[in-house]
Amino acid sequence: MNTSDQNNVSSPPDLSGLKVLIVDDSKTILRTAEALLSEYDCWVTTASDGFEALPIIAAFKPDVVFIDIMMPRLDGYQTCALIKANRNYRDIPVIMLSSKDGLFDLARGRLAGSDKYLTKPFTRQDLLSAIQAHVLEHRQSEDQAGEALATGASQG
């Protein structure tokens, strides 16, 4: 590979230490997403439905939550709405996962408060792009706000 080729290859995002919760009743989806994100040194925990996810959110305090829509007991829409209704957790990005991609489903996800909607089957790049768009950019804006406050405090 020559130098110009190396410059065109984008480096993988730094996701080390990122706390990710994946909520899905499919063991295959849970294992696949967990294995993929673990490759990037993310801390991943899983839940099989919304009822199981809620206490995990309180204890684990994830940086991002991926939630399947169709689950037993408490579905993804209901779980997302509960997360977004809680002032302690409403800023956590929630990304809905579904095999449905109709306009009604997308709208219902937005009404529940989801930040993004990924259609199954999703790719490695889909997951990474969602994390970059909703978590890493959020972290950067928080860092910039903190720096602005520190600068203002030191000037005053």
C-alpha atoms as a PDB file:
ATOM      1  CA  MET A   1       0.000   0.000   0.000  1.00  0.00           C
ATOM      2  CA  ASN A   2       1.498   3.330  -0.952  1.00  0.00           C
ATOM      3  CA  THR A   3       1.353   6.496   1.138  1.00  0.00           C
ATOM      4  CA  SER A   4      -1.575   8.028  -0.749  1.00  0.00           C
ATOM      5  CA  ASP A   5      -3.619   4.839  -0.208  1.00  0.00           C
ATOM      6  CA  GLN A   6      -2.882   4.992   3.520  1.00  0.00           C
ATOM      7  CA  ASN A   7      -4.148   8.561   3.666  1.00  0.00           C
ATOM      8  CA  ASN A   8      -7.440   7.507   2.060  1.00  0.00           C
ATOM      9  CA  VAL A   9      -8.118   4.784   4.631  1.00  0.00           C
ATOM     10  CA  SER A  10     -10.141   6.197   7.501  1.00  0.00           C
ATOM     11  CA  SER A  11      -8.949   5.178  10.916  1.00  0.00           C
ATOM     12  CA  PRO A  12     -11.427   3.330  13.099  1.00  0.00           C
ATOM     13  CA  PRO A  13     -13.218   5.500  15.647  1.00  0.00           C
ATOM     14  CA  ASP A  14     -11.906   5.496  19.212  1.00  0.00           C
ATOM     15  CA  LEU A  15     -14.743   3.867  21.111  1.00  0.00           C
ATOM     16  CA  SER A  16     -12.694   2.508  24.004  1.00  0.00           C
ATOM     17  CA  GLY A  17     -14.606   2.691  27.266  1.00  0.00           C
ATOM     18  CA  LEU A  18     -17.898   3.569  25.555  1.00  0.00           C
ATOM     19  CA  LYS A  19     -20.773   2.004  27.514  1.00  0.00           C
ATOM     20  CA  VAL A  20     -23.352   0.404  25.215  1.00  0.00           C
ATOM     21  CA  LEU A  21     -26.615  -1.306  26.149  1.00  0.00           C
ATOM     22  CA  ILE A  22     -28.204  -3.550  23.520  1.00  0.00           C
ATOM     23  CA  VAL A  23     -31.822  -4.563  24.104  1.00  0.00           C
ATOM     24  CA  ASP A  24     -33.162  -7.293  21.823  1.00  0.00           C
ATOM     25  CA  ASP A  25     -35.008 -10.572  22.273  1.00  0.00           C
ATOM     26  CA  SER A  26     -32.864 -12.188  19.556  1.00  0.00           C
ATOM     27  CA  LYS A  27     -29.799 -13.882  21.022  1.00  0.00           C
ATOM     28  CA  THR A  28     -28.180 -13.748  17.571  1.00  0.00           C
ATOM     29  CA  ILE A  29     -28.488  -9.947  17.378  1.00  0.00           C
ATOM     30  CA  LEU A  30     -27.223  -9.578  20.953  1.00  0.00           C
ATOM     31  CA  ARG A  31     -24.173 -11.790  20.363  1.00  0.00           C
ATOM     32  CA  THR A  32     -23.346 -10.222  16.995  1.00  0.00           C
ATOM     33  CA  ALA A  33     -23.568  -6.617  18.193  1.00  0.00           C
ATOM     34  CA  GLU A  34     -21.734  -7.430  21.419  1.00  0.00           C
ATOM     35  CA  ALA A  35     -18.873  -9.143  19.562  1.00  0.00           C
ATOM     36  CA  LEU A  36     -18.579  -6.296  17.063  1.00  0.00           C
ATOM     37  CA  LEU A  37     -18.537  -3.532  19.661  1.00  0.00           C
ATOM     38  CA  SER A  38     -16.184  -5.441  21.941  1.00  0.00           C
ATOM     39  CA  GLU A  39     -13.636  -5.358  19.096  1.00  0.00           C
ATOM     40  CA  TYR A  40     -13.594  -1.574  19.601  1.00  0.00           C
ATOM     41  CA  ASP A  41     -13.102  -1.913  23.385  1.00  0.00           C
ATOM     42  CA  CYS A  42     -16.663  -0.862  24.201  1.00  0.00           C
ATOM     43  CA  TRP A  43     -18.198  -1.991  27.469  1.00  0.00           C
ATOM     44  CA  VAL A  44     -21.287  -3.847  26.298  1.00  0.00           C
ATOM     45  CA  THR A  45     -24.171  -5.180  28.329  1.00  0.00           C
ATOM     46  CA  THR A  46     -27.379  -6.721  27.041  1.00  0.00           C
ATOM     47  CA  ALA A  47     -31.022  -7.172  27.960  1.00  0.00           C
ATOM     48  CA  SER A  48     -33.687  -9.321  26.344  1.00  0.00           C
ATOM     49  CA  ASP A  49     -36.579  -6.858  26.775  1.00  0.00           C
ATOM     50  CA  GLY A  50     -37.500  -3.428  28.110  1.00  0.00           C
ATOM     51  CA  PHE A  51     -38.327  -4.608  31.634  1.00  0.00           C
ATOM     52  CA  GLU A  52     -34.889  -6.143  31.955  1.00  0.00           C
ATOM     53  CA  ALA A  53     -33.261  -3.035  30.418  1.00  0.00           C
ATOM     54  CA  LEU A  54     -34.663  -0.374  32.770  1.00  0.00           C
ATOM     55  CA  PRO A  55     -32.758  -1.375  35.936  1.00  0.00           C
ATOM     56  CA  ILE A  56     -29.636  -1.961  33.827  1.00  0.00           C
ATOM     57  CA  ILE A  57     -29.847   1.617  32.534  1.00  0.00           C
ATOM     58  CA  ALA A  58     -29.998   2.908  36.108  1.00  0.00           C
ATOM     59  CA  ALA A  59     -26.997   0.829  37.227  1.00  0.00           C
ATOM     60  CA  PHE A  60     -24.834   0.787  34.068  1.00  0.00           C
ATOM     61  CA  LYS A  61     -25.529   4.367  32.858  1.00  0.00           C
ATOM     62  CA  PRO A  62     -24.851   3.618  29.166  1.00  0.00           C
ATOM     63  CA  ASP A  63     -23.579   6.189  26.685  1.00  0.00           C
ATOM     64  CA  VAL A  64     -25.940   4.801  24.024  1.00  0.00           C
ATOM     65  CA  VAL A  65     -28.826   2.316  23.925  1.00  0.00           C
ATOM     66  CA  PHE A  66     -29.767   0.163  20.925  1.00  0.00           C
ATOM     67  CA  ILE A  67     -33.343  -1.134  21.283  1.00  0.00           C
ATOM     68  CA  ASP A  68     -35.283  -3.623  19.176  1.00  0.00           C
ATOM     69  CA  ILE A  69     -38.857  -2.535  18.563  1.00  0.00           C
ATOM     70  CA  MET A  70     -40.631  -5.892  18.615  1.00  0.00           C
ATOM     71  CA  MET A  71     -40.072  -7.490  22.042  1.00  0.00           C
ATOM     72  CA  PRO A  72     -42.251  -9.254  24.585  1.00  0.00           C
ATOM     73  CA  ARG A  73     -43.555  -7.522  27.730  1.00  0.00           C
ATOM     74  CA  LEU A  74     -42.244  -3.978  27.102  1.00  0.00           C
ATOM     75  CA  ASP A  75     -41.565  -3.151  23.447  1.00  0.00           C
ATOM     76  CA  GLY A  76     -38.919  -0.788  22.103  1.00  0.00           C
ATOM     77  CA  TYR A  77     -41.279   2.163  21.660  1.00  0.00           C
ATOM     78  CA  GLN A  78     -42.463   1.929  25.270  1.00  0.00           C
ATOM     79  CA  THR A  79     -38.928   1.443  26.590  1.00  0.00           C
ATOM     80  CA  CYS A  80     -37.624   4.408  24.607  1.00  0.00           C
ATOM     81  CA  ALA A  81     -40.486   6.620  25.837  1.00  0.00           C
ATOM     82  CA  LEU A  82     -39.729   5.663  29.461  1.00  0.00           C
ATOM     83  CA  ILE A  83     -36.025   6.446  29.029  1.00  0.00           C
ATOM     84  CA  LYS A  84     -36.744   9.816  27.427  1.00  0.00           C
ATOM     85  CA  ALA A  85     -39.355  10.701  30.090  1.00  0.00           C
ATOM     86  CA  ASN A  86     -36.774  10.345  32.878  1.00  0.00           C
ATOM     87  CA  ARG A  87     -34.710  13.513  33.393  1.00  0.00           C
ATOM     88  CA  ASN A  88     -31.700  11.433  34.507  1.00  0.00           C
ATOM     89  CA  TYR A  89     -31.589   9.420  31.271  1.00  0.00           C
ATOM     90  CA  ARG A  90     -33.272  11.524  28.569  1.00  0.00           C
ATOM     91  CA  ASP A  91     -29.935  12.650  27.109  1.00  0.00           C
ATOM     92  CA  ILE A  92     -28.817   9.075  26.416  1.00  0.00           C
ATOM     93  CA  PRO A  93     -29.069   8.488  22.655  1.00  0.00           C
ATOM     94  CA  VAL A  94     -31.584   5.733  21.876  1.00  0.00           C
ATOM     95  CA  ILE A  95     -31.255   3.992  18.528  1.00  0.00           C
ATOM     96  CA  MET A  96     -34.170   1.822  17.461  1.00  0.00           C
ATOM     97  CA  LEU A  97     -33.552  -1.486  15.678  1.00  0.00           C
ATOM     98  CA  SER A  98     -36.223  -3.065  13.509  1.00  0.00           C
ATOM     99  CA  SER A  99     -36.865  -5.197  10.478  1.00  0.00           C
ATOM    100  CA  LYS A 100     -39.702  -2.776   9.650  1.00  0.00           C
ATOM    101  CA  ASP A 101     -38.739   0.278   7.646  1.00  0.00           C
ATOM    102  CA  GLY A 102     -42.080   1.861   6.825  1.00  0.00           C
ATOM    103  CA  LEU A 103     -42.776   5.560   7.275  1.00  0.00           C
ATOM    104  CA  PHE A 104     -45.252   4.814  10.093  1.00  0.00           C
ATOM    105  CA  ASP A 105     -42.603   2.842  12.001  1.00  0.00           C
ATOM    106  CA  LEU A 106     -40.006   5.594  11.582  1.00  0.00           C
ATOM    107  CA  ALA A 107     -42.492   8.234  12.746  1.00  0.00           C
ATOM    108  CA  ARG A 108     -43.568   6.155  15.738  1.00  0.00           C
ATOM    109  CA  GLY A 109     -39.916   5.761  16.749  1.00  0.00           C
ATOM    110  CA  ARG A 110     -39.381   9.522  16.580  1.00  0.00           C
ATOM    111  CA  LEU A 111     -42.530  10.150  18.611  1.00  0.00           C
ATOM    112  CA  ALA A 112     -41.204   7.799  21.294  1.00  0.00           C
ATOM    113  CA  GLY A 113     -38.040   9.920  21.375  1.00  0.00           C
ATOM    114  CA  SER A 114     -35.554   7.793  19.438  1.00  0.00           C
ATOM    115  CA  ASP A 115     -32.490   9.528  18.059  1.00  0.00           C
ATOM    116  CA  LYS A 116     -32.028   7.180  15.096  1.00  0.00           C
ATOM    117  CA  TYR A 117     -33.630   4.170  13.453  1.00  0.00           C
ATOM    118  CA  LEU A 118     -31.586   1.286  12.023  1.00  0.00           C
ATOM    119  CA  THR A 119     -33.188  -1.374   9.857  1.00  0.00           C
ATOM    120  CA  LYS A 120     -32.198  -4.996  10.401  1.00  0.00           C
ATOM    121  CA  PRO A 121     -30.092  -6.564   9.170  1.00  0.00           C
ATOM    122  CA  PHE A 122     -27.625  -3.802   9.941  1.00  0.00           C
ATOM    123  CA  THR A 123     -23.959  -3.732   9.088  1.00  0.00           C
ATOM    124  CA  ARG A 124     -20.867  -3.019  11.150  1.00  0.00           C
ATOM    125  CA  GLN A 125     -20.706   0.390   9.473  1.00  0.00           C
ATOM    126  CA  ASP A 126     -24.357   1.128  10.357  1.00  0.00           C
ATOM    127  CA  LEU A 127     -23.616   0.575  14.057  1.00  0.00           C
ATOM    128  CA  LEU A 128     -20.395   2.563  14.000  1.00  0.00           C
ATOM    129  CA  SER A 129     -21.966   5.448  12.064  1.00  0.00           C
ATOM    130  CA  ALA A 130     -24.856   5.645  14.528  1.00  0.00           C
ATOM    131  CA  ILE A 131     -22.446   5.740  17.459  1.00  0.00           C
ATOM    132  CA  GLN A 132     -20.287   8.376  15.803  1.00  0.00           C
ATOM    133  CA  ALA A 133     -23.257  10.573  14.940  1.00  0.00           C
ATOM    134  CA  HIS A 134     -25.020  10.400  18.289  1.00  0.00           C
ATOM    135  CA  VAL A 135     -22.403   9.682  20.934  1.00  0.00           C
ATOM    136  CA  LEU A 136     -18.993  10.914  19.842  1.00  0.00           C
ATOM    137  CA  GLU A 137     -20.342  14.231  18.533  1.00  0.00           C
ATOM    138  CA  HIS A 138     -22.324  14.673  21.781  1.00  0.00           C
ATOM    139  CA  ARG A 139     -19.121  14.072  23.779  1.00  0.00           C
ATOM    140  CA  GLN A 140     -17.241  16.642  21.681  1.00  0.00           C
ATOM    141  CA  SER A 141     -19.912  19.296  22.204  1.00  0.00           C
ATOM    142  CA  GLU A 142     -19.889  18.591  25.975  1.00  0.00           C
ATOM    143  CA  ASP A 143     -16.084  18.928  25.999  1.00  0.00           C
ATOM    144  CA  GLN A 144     -16.293  22.237  24.119  1.00  0.00           C
ATOM    145  CA  ALA A 145     -18.970  23.547  26.503  1.00  0.00           C
ATOM    146  CA  GLY A 146     -16.798  22.564  29.475  1.00  0.00           C
ATOM    147  CA  GLU A 147     -13.795  24.314  27.956  1.00  0.00           C
ATOM    148  CA  ALA A 148     -15.867  27.447  27.335  1.00  0.00           C
ATOM    149  CA  LEU A 149     -17.027  27.463  30.964  1.00  0.00           C
ATOM    150  CA  ALA A 150     -13.475  26.970  32.210  1.00  0.00           C
ATOM    151  CA  THR A 151     -12.207  29.772  29.972  1.00  0.00           C
ATOM    152  CA  GLY A 152     -14.985  32.103  31.107  1.00  0.00           C
ATOM    153  CA  ALA A 153     -14.336  31.299  34.769  1.00  0.00           C
ATOM    154  CA  SER A 154     -10.609  31.962  34.435  1.00  0.00           C
ATOM    155  CA  GLN A 155     -11.229  35.293  32.725  1.00  0.00           C
ATOM    156  CA  GLY A 156     -13.729  36.484  35.333  1.00  0.00           C
END
